C-alpha atoms as a PDB file:
ATOM      1  CA  MET A   1     -21.578 -10.271 -26.674  1.00  0.00           C
ATOM      2  CA  SER A   2     -22.677  -8.451 -23.542  1.00  0.00           C
ATOM      3  CA  ASP A   3     -23.707 -10.106 -20.320  1.00  0.00           C
ATOM      4  CA  THR A   4     -25.806  -7.830 -18.135  1.00  0.00           C
ATOM      5  CA  ASN A   5     -25.515 -10.228 -15.180  1.00  0.00           C
ATOM      6  CA  ILE A   6     -21.841  -9.494 -14.558  1.00  0.00           C
ATOM      7  CA  PRO A   7     -21.573  -8.049 -11.048  1.00  0.00           C
ATOM      8  CA  ILE A   8     -19.988  -4.649 -10.715  1.00  0.00           C
ATOM      9  CA  PRO A   9     -17.280  -4.720  -8.051  1.00  0.00           C
ATOM     10  CA  LEU A  10     -18.071  -2.544  -5.074  1.00  0.00           C
ATOM     11  CA  PRO A  11     -15.461   0.009  -4.126  1.00  0.00           C
ATOM     12  CA  GLY A  12     -13.370  -0.997  -1.179  1.00  0.00           C
ATOM     13  CA  ILE A  13     -10.099  -0.487   0.550  1.00  0.00           C
ATOM     14  CA  SER A  14      -7.239  -2.356  -1.065  1.00  0.00           C
ATOM     15  CA  LEU A  15      -5.033  -4.493   1.147  1.00  0.00           C
ATOM     16  CA  MET A  16      -2.110  -2.229   0.337  1.00  0.00           C
ATOM     17  CA  ALA A  17      -4.082   0.858   1.369  1.00  0.00           C
ATOM     18  CA  ALA A  18      -5.100  -0.788   4.644  1.00  0.00           C
ATOM     19  CA  ALA A  19      -1.457  -1.554   5.376  1.00  0.00           C
ATOM     20  CA  GLU A  20      -0.409   1.991   4.472  1.00  0.00           C
ATOM     21  CA  LEU A  21      -3.086   3.439   6.767  1.00  0.00           C
ATOM     22  CA  ARG A  22      -1.944   1.168   9.597  1.00  0.00           C
ATOM     23  CA  ASP A  23       1.662   2.232   9.004  1.00  0.00           C
ATOM     24  CA  ALA A  24       0.659   5.905   8.963  1.00  0.00           C
ATOM     25  CA  LEU A  25      -1.234   5.642  12.234  1.00  0.00           C
ATOM     26  CA  THR A  26       1.652   3.765  13.841  1.00  0.00           C
ATOM     27  CA  ALA A  27       4.105   6.402  12.625  1.00  0.00           C
ATOM     28  CA  ILE A  28       1.922   9.170  14.039  1.00  0.00           C
ATOM     29  CA  GLU A  29       1.812   7.397  17.377  1.00  0.00           C
ATOM     30  CA  GLU A  30       5.613   7.135  17.318  1.00  0.00           C
ATOM     31  CA  GLY A  31       6.029  10.804  16.385  1.00  0.00           C
ATOM     32  CA  LYS A  32       7.377  10.054  12.900  1.00  0.00           C
ATOM     33  CA  ALA A  33       5.516  12.663  10.866  1.00  0.00           C
ATOM     34  CA  ALA A  34       7.458  12.228   7.615  1.00  0.00           C
ATOM     35  CA  THR A  35       6.870   8.470   7.635  1.00  0.00           C
ATOM     36  CA  ALA A  36       3.171   9.032   8.313  1.00  0.00           C
ATOM     37  CA  VAL A  37       2.842  11.473   5.428  1.00  0.00           C
ATOM     38  CA  ALA A  38       4.645   9.095   3.066  1.00  0.00           C
ATOM     39  CA  ALA A  39       2.324   6.244   4.040  1.00  0.00           C
ATOM     40  CA  LEU A  40      -0.793   8.383   3.575  1.00  0.00           C
ATOM     41  CA  LEU A  41       0.411   9.581   0.174  1.00  0.00           C
ATOM     42  CA  ALA A  42       0.862   5.970  -0.933  1.00  0.00           C
ATOM     43  CA  ILE A  43      -2.862   5.213  -0.549  1.00  0.00           C
ATOM     44  CA  ASP A  44      -4.659   4.918  -3.876  1.00  0.00           C
ATOM     45  CA  PRO A  45      -7.450   7.459  -4.535  1.00  0.00           C
ATOM     46  CA  GLU A  46     -10.302   4.922  -4.575  1.00  0.00           C
ATOM     47  CA  SER A  47      -9.284   3.432  -1.236  1.00  0.00           C
ATOM     48  CA  TRP A  48      -8.784   6.918   0.194  1.00  0.00           C
ATOM     49  CA  GLN A  49     -12.365   7.874  -0.647  1.00  0.00           C
ATOM     50  CA  VAL A  50     -13.697   4.713   0.979  1.00  0.00           C
ATOM     51  CA  ILE A  51     -11.553   5.269   4.083  1.00  0.00           C
ATOM     52  CA  GLU A  52     -12.876   8.812   4.458  1.00  0.00           C
ATOM     53  CA  LYS A  53     -16.495   7.706   4.058  1.00  0.00           C
ATOM     54  CA  ARG A  54     -16.097   4.905   6.591  1.00  0.00           C
ATOM     55  CA  LEU A  55     -14.439   7.159   9.153  1.00  0.00           C
ATOM     56  CA  VAL A  56     -17.257   9.670   8.928  1.00  0.00           C
ATOM     57  CA  ALA A  57     -19.898   6.933   9.096  1.00  0.00           C
ATOM     58  CA  VAL A  58     -18.321   5.126  12.038  1.00  0.00           C
ATOM     59  CA  ILE A  59     -16.895   7.902  14.197  1.00  0.00           C
ATOM     60  CA  GLY A  60     -18.316  11.070  12.704  1.00  0.00           C
ATOM     61  CA  ALA A  61     -14.948  12.575  11.775  1.00  0.00           C
ATOM     62  CA  ASP A  62     -12.585  12.513   8.843  1.00  0.00           C
ATOM     63  CA  LEU A  63      -8.904  11.636   9.070  1.00  0.00           C
ATOM     64  CA  ARG A  64      -7.862  15.280   9.264  1.00  0.00           C
ATOM     65  CA  GLN A  65     -10.043  15.797  12.345  1.00  0.00           C
ATOM     66  CA  LEU A  66      -8.669  12.634  13.946  1.00  0.00           C
ATOM     67  CA  LEU A  67      -5.078  13.674  13.313  1.00  0.00           C
ATOM     68  CA  THR A  68      -5.718  17.158  14.664  1.00  0.00           C
ATOM     69  CA  ALA A  69      -7.219  15.674  17.818  1.00  0.00           C
ATOM     70  CA  ALA A  70      -4.289  13.264  18.165  1.00  0.00           C
ATOM     71  CA  VAL A  71      -1.784  16.098  17.893  1.00  0.00           C
ATOM     72  CA  ARG A  72      -3.638  18.235  20.431  1.00  0.00           C
ATOM     73  CA  GLU A  73      -4.141  15.408  22.920  1.00  0.00           C
ATOM     74  CA  PRO A  74      -0.493  15.148  24.051  1.00  0.00           C
ATOM     75  CA  GLU A  75      -0.336  18.930  24.452  1.00  0.00           C
ATOM     76  CA  ALA A  76      -3.457  18.927  26.611  1.00  0.00           C
ATOM     77  CA  ALA A  77      -2.050  16.125  28.755  1.00  0.00           C
ATOM     78  CA  ALA A  78       1.133  18.125  29.374  1.00  0.00           C
ATOM     79  CA  GLU A  79      -0.751  21.144  30.720  1.00  0.00           C
ATOM     80  CA  PRO A  80      -1.096  21.398  34.499  1.00  0.00           C
ATOM     81  CA  PRO A  81      -4.621  20.973  35.860  1.00  0.00           C
ATOM     82  CA  LEU A  82      -6.587  24.140  36.504  1.00  0.00           C
ATOM     83  CA  GLY A  83      -7.488  25.108  40.023  1.00  0.00           C
END
């Protein structure tokens, strides 16, 4: 017996993945790289794909680009102004 009216669940970010992403971003802000990596590695693959797509759609960058910018930002702030 097959019902063709059964909705197919749309892919989304699991609650656990959202919490792991929040924890990773907090750890990055606090300078805890190992904790950030552990949190990012705990995100399930389906949620990870959705996170990447949403980041690109909303801000035009993936997580790697955001993290690179975040790491460079403190260095740029520490440099003396030119002139």
